[in-house]
Protein backbone atom coordinates (compact mmCIF):
# COMPACT_ATOMS: atom_id res chain seq x y z
CA MET A 1 -10.73 20.86 24.93
CA LEU A 2 -12.21 18.10 27.07
CA PRO A 3 -15.25 17.56 24.79
CA ILE A 4 -12.94 17.11 21.81
CA LEU A 5 -10.91 14.47 23.62
CA THR A 6 -14.00 12.64 24.86
CA THR A 7 -15.50 12.64 21.35
CA ALA A 8 -12.23 11.36 19.86
CA GLY A 9 -11.97 8.65 22.51
CA ARG A 10 -15.59 7.59 22.04
CA VAL A 11 -15.26 7.40 18.25
CA LEU A 12 -12.02 5.44 18.44
CA TRP A 13 -13.52 3.05 21.02
CA ARG A 14 -16.57 2.38 18.85
CA HIS A 15 -14.70 1.95 15.58
CA TRP A 16 -11.39 0.35 16.57
CA PRO A 17 -12.16 -3.10 15.05
CA ALA A 18 -12.86 -1.61 11.63
CA LEU A 19 -9.86 0.70 11.89
CA MET A 20 -7.60 -2.19 12.83
CA ALA A 21 -8.98 -4.35 10.01
CA TRP A 22 -8.36 -1.65 7.39
CA TYR A 23 -4.88 -0.96 8.75
CA LEU A 24 -3.86 -4.62 8.76
CA ALA A 25 -5.36 -5.17 5.31
CA GLY A 26 -3.37 -2.24 3.94
CA ILE A 27 -0.12 -3.47 5.49
CA LEU A 28 -0.69 -7.06 4.32
CA VAL A 29 -1.56 -6.11 0.73
CA HIS A 30 1.39 -3.70 0.63
CA TYR A 31 3.78 -6.44 1.77
CA VAL A 32 2.41 -9.08 -0.62
CA ILE A 33 2.48 -6.80 -3.65
CA THR A 34 6.02 -5.64 -2.82
CA GLN A 35 7.12 -9.28 -2.70
CA VAL A 36 5.34 -10.05 -5.97
CA ALA A 37 6.94 -6.99 -7.60
CA GLY A 38 10.34 -8.23 -6.45
CA PHE A 39 9.64 -11.67 -7.87
CA ILE A 40 8.63 -10.13 -11.19
CA GLY A 41 11.61 -7.77 -11.05
CA ALA A 42 14.00 -10.71 -10.85
CA SER A 43 13.25 -11.39 -14.51
CA SER A 44 12.84 -7.82 -15.71
CA ALA A 45 13.09 -4.62 -13.69
CA THR A 46 10.59 -2.58 -15.70
CA PRO A 47 7.49 -4.70 -15.02
CA GLY A 48 8.55 -5.00 -11.39
CA PHE A 49 8.75 -1.24 -11.01
CA LEU A 50 5.37 -0.92 -12.73
CA VAL A 51 3.78 -3.23 -10.14
CA LEU A 52 5.37 -1.47 -7.16
CA PRO A 53 3.02 1.59 -7.13
CA ILE A 54 0.08 -0.75 -6.57
CA ALA A 55 1.59 -1.58 -3.18
CA ILE A 56 1.75 2.11 -2.32
CA LEU A 57 -1.85 2.58 -3.42
CA ALA A 58 -2.86 -0.23 -1.07
CA ARG A 59 -1.66 1.90 1.84
CA LEU A 60 -3.56 4.90 0.49
CA VAL A 61 -6.77 2.91 0.13
CA SER A 62 -6.52 1.65 3.69
CA LEU A 63 -5.84 5.16 5.01
CA VAL A 64 -8.80 6.68 3.16
CA ALA A 65 -11.03 3.84 4.31
CA MET A 66 -9.94 4.42 7.92
CA PHE A 67 -10.83 8.12 7.64
CA LEU A 68 -14.23 7.28 6.18
CA VAL A 69 -14.87 4.79 9.00
CA LEU A 70 -14.19 7.56 11.50
CA ARG A 71 -16.43 9.93 9.56
CA ASP A 72 -19.45 7.76 10.36
CA GLY A 73 -18.97 8.37 14.07
CA LEU A 74 -18.56 12.14 14.01
CA ARG A 75 -21.98 13.73 14.56
CA ASN A 76 -20.80 17.28 13.91
CA LEU A 77 -19.38 16.29 10.54
CA GLN A 78 -22.63 14.52 9.68
CA GLU A 79 -24.48 17.83 10.11
CA VAL A 80 -22.15 19.60 7.68
CA ALA A 81 -21.62 16.83 5.11
CA PRO A 82 -23.93 13.86 5.63
CA LEU A 83 -23.02 10.53 4.13
CA PRO A 84 -25.29 9.40 1.31
CA GLU A 85 -27.49 6.38 1.94
CA PRO A 86 -27.35 4.52 -1.41
CA VAL A 87 -24.44 2.15 -1.85
CA ALA A 88 -23.52 3.63 -5.24
CA GLU A 89 -23.27 7.11 -3.71
CA ARG A 90 -21.12 5.82 -0.85
CA ARG A 91 -18.83 4.14 -3.36
CA ARG A 92 -18.59 7.37 -5.34
CA THR A 93 -17.75 9.25 -2.12
CA PHE A 94 -14.96 6.77 -1.38
CA LEU A 95 -13.57 7.07 -4.91
CA THR A 96 -13.70 10.88 -4.75
CA ALA A 97 -11.83 10.89 -1.43
CA LEU A 98 -9.29 8.43 -2.82
CA LEU A 99 -8.62 10.48 -5.94
CA ALA A 100 -8.39 13.72 -3.96
CA GLY A 101 -5.78 12.20 -1.66
CA ILE A 102 -3.40 10.64 -4.19
CA LEU A 103 -1.10 13.60 -4.81
CA PRO A 104 -0.76 14.74 -1.18
CA PHE A 105 -0.29 11.14 -0.05
CA PHE A 106 2.53 10.50 -2.51
CA ALA A 107 4.19 13.79 -1.53
CA VAL A 108 4.14 12.89 2.18
CA TYR A 109 5.06 9.27 1.42
CA TRP A 110 8.12 10.42 -0.52
CA ALA A 111 9.07 13.13 2.01
CA GLN A 112 9.06 10.64 4.89
CA GLY A 113 11.36 8.30 3.00
CA LEU A 114 8.81 5.51 2.72
CA LEU A 115 9.15 5.42 -1.04
CA SER A 116 12.87 4.68 -0.79
CA GLU A 117 12.11 1.93 1.75
CA ASP A 118 9.70 0.34 -0.71
CA VAL A 119 12.23 0.52 -3.53
CA ARG A 120 14.86 -0.98 -1.24
CA ALA A 121 12.53 -3.85 -0.23
CA TYR A 122 11.66 -4.44 -3.88
CA SER A 123 15.34 -4.46 -4.89
CA LEU A 124 16.31 -6.85 -2.11
CA ARG A 125 13.52 -9.26 -3.04
CA ALA A 126 14.42 -9.09 -6.75
CA LEU A 127 18.09 -9.68 -5.94
CA GLU A 128 17.23 -12.60 -3.67
CA VAL A 129 15.09 -14.27 -6.33
CA ARG A 130 17.64 -13.59 -9.06
CA SER A 131 20.46 -15.02 -6.91
CA GLY A 132 18.35 -18.11 -6.28
CA ILE A 133 17.79 -18.57 -10.00
CA ILE A 134 21.51 -18.24 -10.72
CA ALA A 135 22.50 -20.55 -7.85
CA THR A 136 20.01 -23.18 -8.96
CA SER A 137 21.34 -22.98 -12.49
CA ILE A 138 24.95 -23.33 -11.33
CA PHE A 139 24.25 -26.23 -8.98
CA ASP A 140 22.28 -28.06 -11.64
CA GLY A 141 25.38 -28.14 -13.80
CA GLY A 142 24.13 -25.69 -16.39
CA GLU A 143 25.34 -22.27 -17.20
CA PRO A 144 24.09 -19.36 -15.13
CA VAL A 145 21.12 -17.51 -16.55
CA SER A 146 22.27 -14.04 -17.43
CA SER A 147 21.31 -11.28 -19.80
CA VAL A 148 25.01 -10.55 -20.35
CA THR A 149 27.19 -13.51 -21.28
CA ALA A 150 30.95 -13.37 -20.91
CA THR A 151 33.01 -14.54 -23.81
CA ALA A 152 36.53 -15.90 -23.39
């Protein structure tokens, strides 16, 4: 048990900057795309909901990249499945790992309730932007922008 813990500690110590960079990049891209989806969703919900899965894929890409960073440091894994040297082969390995992880990732993402959190964040952003558009229209003296107009 002790060799496993020492190996894990050594690998994490050597690769923590890359792991942290991938994690922060995934979180940042996820946040930005969720905000952009909400901004788009203020005008029309369908395009906003079509952009939202890109934010979820950003988390998946960062997670797969973090696993592949750790793979470089595991000698025992290198004996079983060595990483290819050419850049094109490494890119293909990354894409294969990404495609293999999409379905399980979405299942776990949904089961943990993270999907509903993303939809909630998207909805709040879309509502905030839409309210701002309506408030600006009202305060400018015009009629509120609405897809449904009330008739008297």
